[in-house]
N, C-alpha and C. Protein backbone atom coordinates (compact mmCIF):
# COMPACT_ATOMS: atom_id res chain seq x y z
N MET A 1 -10.33 58.30 -46.76
CA MET A 1 -9.81 59.25 -47.70
C MET A 1 -8.93 58.92 -48.52
N GLU A 2 -9.54 58.66 -50.14
CA GLU A 2 -8.39 57.94 -50.64
C GLU A 2 -7.52 59.11 -51.13
N ILE A 3 -6.17 58.67 -51.24
CA ILE A 3 -5.12 59.20 -51.71
C ILE A 3 -5.49 60.19 -52.77
N LYS A 4 -6.66 60.08 -54.36
CA LYS A 4 -7.06 59.93 -55.31
C LYS A 4 -7.60 61.35 -55.64
N ASP A 5 -8.11 61.94 -53.98
CA ASP A 5 -8.70 63.04 -54.44
C ASP A 5 -8.14 64.34 -53.87
N ALA A 6 -8.19 65.51 -54.30
CA ALA A 6 -7.44 66.44 -54.42
C ALA A 6 -6.65 66.83 -53.04
N PHE A 7 -5.82 67.33 -52.85
CA PHE A 7 -5.29 67.09 -51.12
C PHE A 7 -5.24 68.38 -50.49
N MET A 8 -5.32 69.67 -50.93
CA MET A 8 -6.22 70.51 -49.64
C MET A 8 -7.56 69.89 -49.57
N PRO A 9 -8.35 69.94 -50.29
CA PRO A 9 -9.96 69.52 -49.76
C PRO A 9 -9.68 68.29 -48.51
N ALA A 10 -9.54 67.45 -48.89
CA ALA A 10 -9.37 66.35 -47.84
C ALA A 10 -8.42 66.47 -46.65
N PHE A 11 -7.60 67.50 -46.69
CA PHE A 11 -6.70 68.20 -45.42
C PHE A 11 -7.78 68.86 -44.83
N ILE A 12 -8.58 69.59 -45.28
CA ILE A 12 -9.67 70.32 -44.44
C ILE A 12 -11.24 69.48 -44.10
N HIS A 13 -11.62 68.41 -45.21
CA HIS A 13 -12.12 67.92 -44.69
C HIS A 13 -11.80 66.99 -43.55
N SER A 14 -10.90 66.40 -42.97
CA SER A 14 -10.22 65.70 -42.19
C SER A 14 -10.44 66.31 -40.85
N PHE A 15 -9.75 67.81 -40.59
CA PHE A 15 -10.22 68.21 -38.92
C PHE A 15 -11.26 68.46 -39.16
N PHE A 16 -12.00 69.28 -40.04
CA PHE A 16 -13.84 69.27 -39.54
C PHE A 16 -14.52 67.97 -39.54
N ILE A 17 -13.69 66.60 -39.83
CA ILE A 17 -14.72 65.72 -39.45
C ILE A 17 -14.37 65.11 -38.31
N ALA A 18 -13.22 65.21 -37.67
CA ALA A 18 -12.66 64.66 -36.81
C ALA A 18 -13.57 65.75 -35.77
N LEU A 19 -13.67 66.91 -35.66
CA LEU A 19 -14.06 67.67 -34.65
C LEU A 19 -15.67 67.38 -34.75
N GLY A 20 -16.28 67.63 -35.46
CA GLY A 20 -18.21 67.30 -35.77
C GLY A 20 -17.91 65.45 -34.90
N VAL A 21 -17.42 64.47 -35.16
CA VAL A 21 -17.24 63.69 -34.72
C VAL A 21 -17.36 63.90 -33.22
N LEU A 22 -16.33 64.29 -32.54
CA LEU A 22 -15.79 65.11 -31.54
C LEU A 22 -16.90 65.57 -30.96
N LEU A 23 -17.03 66.85 -31.00
CA LEU A 23 -18.15 67.70 -30.69
C LEU A 23 -19.66 66.64 -30.76
N GLY A 24 -20.21 66.55 -32.07
CA GLY A 24 -21.51 65.74 -32.06
C GLY A 24 -21.78 64.70 -31.19
N GLY A 25 -20.73 63.79 -30.90
CA GLY A 25 -20.93 62.44 -30.38
C GLY A 25 -20.91 62.96 -28.69
N SER A 26 -20.28 63.96 -28.25
CA SER A 26 -20.11 64.34 -26.55
C SER A 26 -21.38 65.00 -26.79
N LEU A 27 -22.14 65.71 -27.35
CA LEU A 27 -22.72 66.42 -26.99
C LEU A 27 -23.95 65.91 -27.06
N ILE A 28 -24.33 64.81 -27.80
CA ILE A 28 -25.06 63.94 -27.73
C ILE A 28 -25.07 63.25 -26.59
N GLY A 29 -24.17 62.72 -26.28
CA GLY A 29 -24.09 61.81 -25.14
C GLY A 29 -24.54 62.62 -23.67
N GLY A 30 -24.12 63.60 -23.75
CA GLY A 30 -24.51 64.29 -22.85
C GLY A 30 -26.17 64.73 -22.73
N LEU A 31 -26.63 65.09 -23.79
CA LEU A 31 -27.70 65.26 -23.99
C LEU A 31 -28.45 63.61 -23.13
N GLY A 32 -27.99 62.59 -23.78
CA GLY A 32 -28.96 61.21 -23.41
C GLY A 32 -28.18 60.95 -21.56
N ALA A 33 -26.95 61.55 -20.90
CA ALA A 33 -26.85 61.41 -19.73
C ALA A 33 -28.34 62.48 -19.10
N PHE A 34 -28.36 63.62 -19.39
CA PHE A 34 -29.57 64.80 -19.03
C PHE A 34 -30.34 63.56 -19.06
N MET A 35 -30.94 63.16 -19.74
CA MET A 35 -32.47 62.64 -19.97
C MET A 35 -32.66 61.15 -19.05
N SER A 36 -31.32 60.49 -18.61
CA SER A 36 -31.36 59.05 -17.79
C SER A 36 -30.54 59.96 -16.35
N GLY A 37 -30.69 61.12 -16.04
CA GLY A 37 -30.86 61.98 -14.69
C GLY A 37 -29.29 61.89 -14.24
N GLN A 38 -28.13 61.37 -15.14
CA GLN A 38 -27.15 61.77 -14.80
C GLN A 38 -26.08 63.25 -15.00
N ALA A 39 -25.40 63.79 -14.19
CA ALA A 39 -24.71 64.82 -14.75
C ALA A 39 -24.20 65.14 -16.00
N PRO A 40 -25.12 66.04 -16.89
CA PRO A 40 -24.70 66.33 -18.64
C PRO A 40 -23.30 66.62 -18.70
N LEU A 41 -22.58 67.42 -18.00
CA LEU A 41 -21.14 68.55 -18.34
C LEU A 41 -20.29 67.03 -18.02
N SER A 42 -20.35 66.67 -16.91
CA SER A 42 -19.14 65.32 -16.94
C SER A 42 -19.65 64.33 -17.63
N GLU A 43 -20.56 64.00 -18.31
CA GLU A 43 -21.02 63.31 -19.59
C GLU A 43 -20.13 63.29 -20.18
N ILE A 44 -20.55 64.85 -20.77
CA ILE A 44 -19.83 65.13 -21.93
C ILE A 44 -18.38 64.85 -22.00
N TYR A 45 -17.79 65.60 -20.80
CA TYR A 45 -16.20 65.64 -20.98
C TYR A 45 -15.76 63.89 -20.75
N SER A 46 -16.58 62.90 -20.26
CA SER A 46 -15.81 61.68 -20.10
C SER A 46 -15.84 61.51 -21.63
N VAL A 47 -17.03 61.23 -22.69
CA VAL A 47 -18.00 61.03 -23.56
C VAL A 47 -16.13 61.38 -24.53
N ALA A 48 -15.86 62.95 -24.38
CA ALA A 48 -15.15 63.04 -25.33
C ALA A 48 -13.34 62.68 -25.05
N SER A 49 -13.65 62.81 -23.71
CA SER A 49 -11.97 62.03 -23.71
C SER A 49 -12.22 60.66 -24.49
N LYS A 50 -13.48 59.74 -24.72
CA LYS A 50 -13.10 58.69 -25.12
C LYS A 50 -13.46 58.73 -26.83
N LEU A 51 -14.11 59.68 -27.14
CA LEU A 51 -14.44 60.03 -28.79
C LEU A 51 -13.04 60.30 -29.25
N LYS A 52 -11.87 60.42 -28.40
CA LYS A 52 -10.96 61.47 -29.55
C LYS A 52 -10.05 60.05 -30.23
N ILE A 53 -9.80 59.34 -29.93
CA ILE A 53 -9.35 57.76 -31.12
C ILE A 53 -10.11 57.65 -32.52
N TRP A 54 -11.85 58.01 -31.75
CA TRP A 54 -12.70 57.27 -33.12
C TRP A 54 -12.56 58.78 -34.41
N ALA A 55 -12.82 59.64 -33.47
CA ALA A 55 -12.63 61.00 -34.21
C ALA A 55 -12.02 61.04 -35.39
N LEU A 56 -10.90 60.14 -34.53
CA LEU A 56 -9.46 60.49 -35.58
C LEU A 56 -9.77 58.85 -36.68
N VAL A 57 -9.96 57.75 -36.04
CA VAL A 57 -10.55 57.01 -37.48
C VAL A 57 -11.41 57.23 -38.25
N ALA A 58 -12.58 58.27 -37.98
CA ALA A 58 -13.40 58.38 -38.79
C ALA A 58 -12.58 59.27 -39.72
N ALA A 59 -12.06 60.37 -39.59
CA ALA A 59 -11.44 61.31 -40.16
C ALA A 59 -10.70 60.99 -41.53
N ILE A 60 -9.98 59.87 -41.01
CA ILE A 60 -8.67 59.57 -41.96
C ILE A 60 -9.72 58.30 -43.07
N GLY A 61 -10.95 57.68 -42.44
CA GLY A 61 -11.71 56.88 -43.40
C GLY A 61 -11.24 55.35 -42.88
N GLY A 62 -10.92 55.35 -41.79
CA GLY A 62 -10.63 53.43 -40.94
C GLY A 62 -9.41 53.31 -41.32
N THR A 63 -8.78 52.66 -41.27
CA THR A 63 -7.03 52.39 -41.33
C THR A 63 -6.71 51.58 -42.16
N PHE A 64 -7.51 50.86 -43.33
CA PHE A 64 -6.70 50.00 -44.29
C PHE A 64 -6.49 50.58 -45.13
N ASP A 65 -6.81 52.31 -45.33
CA ASP A 65 -6.48 52.86 -46.29
C ASP A 65 -5.28 53.56 -46.04
N THR A 66 -4.78 53.74 -45.25
CA THR A 66 -4.04 54.39 -43.99
C THR A 66 -2.46 53.12 -44.61
N PHE A 67 -2.94 52.27 -44.16
CA PHE A 67 -1.99 51.14 -43.90
C PHE A 67 -1.22 51.05 -45.77
N TYR A 68 -2.31 50.92 -46.53
CA TYR A 68 -2.18 50.60 -48.07
C TYR A 68 -1.05 51.52 -48.57
N SER A 69 -1.37 53.13 -48.05
CA SER A 69 -0.81 53.95 -48.73
C SER A 69 0.67 54.31 -48.33
N PHE A 70 0.83 53.63 -46.49
CA PHE A 70 2.32 53.55 -46.12
C PHE A 70 2.71 52.85 -47.06
N GLU A 71 2.42 51.43 -46.96
CA GLU A 71 2.80 50.19 -48.09
C GLU A 71 3.42 50.74 -49.21
N LYS A 72 2.32 50.94 -50.05
CA LYS A 72 2.69 51.82 -51.17
C LYS A 72 4.00 52.78 -50.87
N GLY A 73 4.31 53.89 -50.66
CA GLY A 73 5.22 54.94 -50.29
C GLY A 73 6.62 53.81 -49.79
N ILE A 74 6.56 52.59 -48.94
CA ILE A 74 7.60 52.53 -48.66
C ILE A 74 8.10 50.94 -49.52
N PHE A 75 7.24 50.37 -49.80
CA PHE A 75 7.58 49.23 -50.86
C PHE A 75 7.96 49.59 -52.34
N LEU A 76 6.76 50.72 -52.54
CA LEU A 76 7.07 51.19 -54.28
C LEU A 76 7.65 52.13 -54.01
N GLY A 77 8.66 52.77 -53.24
CA GLY A 77 8.89 54.32 -53.40
C GLY A 77 8.52 55.72 -53.63
N GLN A 78 7.29 55.02 -53.45
CA GLN A 78 6.04 56.64 -53.47
C GLN A 78 5.94 57.97 -52.38
N THR A 79 6.93 57.77 -51.94
CA THR A 79 7.43 58.55 -50.33
C THR A 79 6.17 59.91 -50.46
N LYS A 80 5.20 60.34 -51.70
CA LYS A 80 4.82 61.62 -51.43
C LYS A 80 3.38 61.14 -50.95
N ASP A 81 3.17 59.51 -51.12
CA ASP A 81 1.64 59.60 -50.47
C ASP A 81 2.02 59.29 -49.20
N VAL A 82 3.04 58.52 -48.42
CA VAL A 82 3.59 58.66 -47.21
C VAL A 82 3.45 60.02 -46.12
N PHE A 83 4.13 60.85 -47.50
CA PHE A 83 3.96 62.77 -46.49
C PHE A 83 2.25 62.94 -46.73
N LYS A 84 1.54 62.79 -47.37
CA LYS A 84 0.29 63.17 -47.26
C LYS A 84 -0.62 62.43 -46.52
N GLN A 85 -0.22 61.15 -46.50
CA GLN A 85 -1.17 60.56 -45.65
C GLN A 85 -0.99 60.72 -44.05
N PHE A 86 0.38 61.55 -43.78
CA PHE A 86 0.71 61.57 -42.75
C PHE A 86 0.35 63.36 -41.93
N LEU A 87 0.24 64.04 -43.30
CA LEU A 87 -0.72 65.28 -43.14
C LEU A 87 -1.86 65.06 -42.88
N LEU A 88 -2.34 63.89 -43.34
CA LEU A 88 -3.62 64.09 -43.00
C LEU A 88 -4.28 63.40 -41.65
N ILE A 89 -3.55 62.41 -41.06
CA ILE A 89 -3.48 62.17 -39.92
C ILE A 89 -3.00 63.39 -38.77
N VAL A 90 -2.22 64.15 -39.29
CA VAL A 90 -2.07 65.11 -38.31
C VAL A 90 -3.25 66.67 -38.26
N SER A 91 -3.61 66.75 -39.39
CA SER A 91 -4.59 67.29 -39.76
C SER A 91 -6.10 66.88 -38.62
N ALA A 92 -6.23 65.53 -38.82
CA ALA A 92 -7.37 64.92 -38.05
C ALA A 92 -7.42 64.76 -36.65
N MET A 93 -6.17 64.64 -36.13
CA MET A 93 -5.41 65.19 -35.12
C MET A 93 -5.59 66.31 -34.32
N GLY A 94 -5.38 67.04 -35.46
CA GLY A 94 -5.76 68.61 -34.78
C GLY A 94 -7.43 69.29 -34.55
N GLY A 95 -8.15 68.49 -35.52
CA GLY A 95 -9.49 68.64 -35.41
C GLY A 95 -9.82 67.85 -33.81
N ALA A 96 -9.34 66.73 -33.59
CA ALA A 96 -10.20 66.48 -32.28
C ALA A 96 -9.40 66.83 -31.44
N GLN A 97 -8.12 67.04 -31.47
CA GLN A 97 -7.65 67.75 -30.24
C GLN A 97 -8.44 69.36 -30.07
N PHE A 98 -8.97 69.96 -30.81
CA PHE A 98 -9.16 71.40 -31.17
C PHE A 98 -10.77 71.28 -30.87
N GLY A 99 -11.69 69.91 -30.75
CA GLY A 99 -12.72 69.59 -30.65
C GLY A 99 -12.79 69.06 -29.01
N TRP A 100 -11.55 68.93 -28.56
CA TRP A 100 -11.50 68.68 -27.11
C TRP A 100 -10.99 69.45 -26.34
N ARG A 101 -10.65 70.68 -26.82
CA ARG A 101 -10.28 71.82 -25.85
C ARG A 101 -11.68 72.53 -26.39
N ILE A 102 -12.44 72.82 -26.94
CA ILE A 102 -14.05 72.73 -27.18
C ILE A 102 -14.97 72.67 -25.80
N ILE A 103 -14.55 71.53 -25.75
CA ILE A 103 -15.37 71.03 -24.60
C ILE A 103 -14.55 71.08 -23.41
N GLU A 104 -13.80 71.03 -23.19
CA GLU A 104 -12.38 71.43 -21.85
C GLU A 104 -13.13 72.37 -22.03
N TRP A 105 -13.19 74.13 -22.42
CA TRP A 105 -13.57 74.85 -22.52
C TRP A 105 -15.21 75.10 -21.83
N PHE A 106 -16.19 74.73 -22.90
CA PHE A 106 -17.29 74.06 -22.23
C PHE A 106 -17.97 73.24 -20.84
N THR A 107 -17.62 72.65 -20.72
CA THR A 107 -17.43 71.94 -19.53
C THR A 107 -16.78 72.28 -18.28
N GLN A 108 -15.87 72.49 -18.15
CA GLN A 108 -15.08 73.62 -17.04
C GLN A 108 -14.64 72.44 -16.29
N GLU A 109 -14.26 70.60 -16.91
CA GLU A 109 -14.27 69.89 -15.97
C GLU A 109 -12.68 69.63 -15.23
N HIS A 110 -11.49 70.59 -16.11
CA HIS A 110 -10.19 70.51 -15.80
C HIS A 110 -10.18 71.51 -14.02
N ILE A 111 -11.05 72.24 -14.01
CA ILE A 111 -10.70 73.44 -13.06
C ILE A 111 -11.22 72.66 -11.68
N THR A 112 -10.67 72.65 -10.69
CA THR A 112 -10.82 72.25 -9.44
C THR A 112 -10.72 72.60 -8.30
């Protein structure tokens, strides 16, 4: 995400991109497990746990933009950029966590 975009649309996009990566990736992974004869719900749960960090990275647009924004904020005194980037990361984490909770509820793997 470029910091030059309007902040609120970027904030909302960050949440839903992370949510979409987690839900889409784990459900498609479950479809692949079904087609290969494995337990699809267990595989959905497993893939979702592995995809959480990648959903976060995809939502913030890679790590280099984030580091550049932090560099500008720290060394050039532009603390507004650091705060915006921090909020985008929190939004992406929220989207990934929300997707994780949906998968957890859907698969019921945590209930033993």
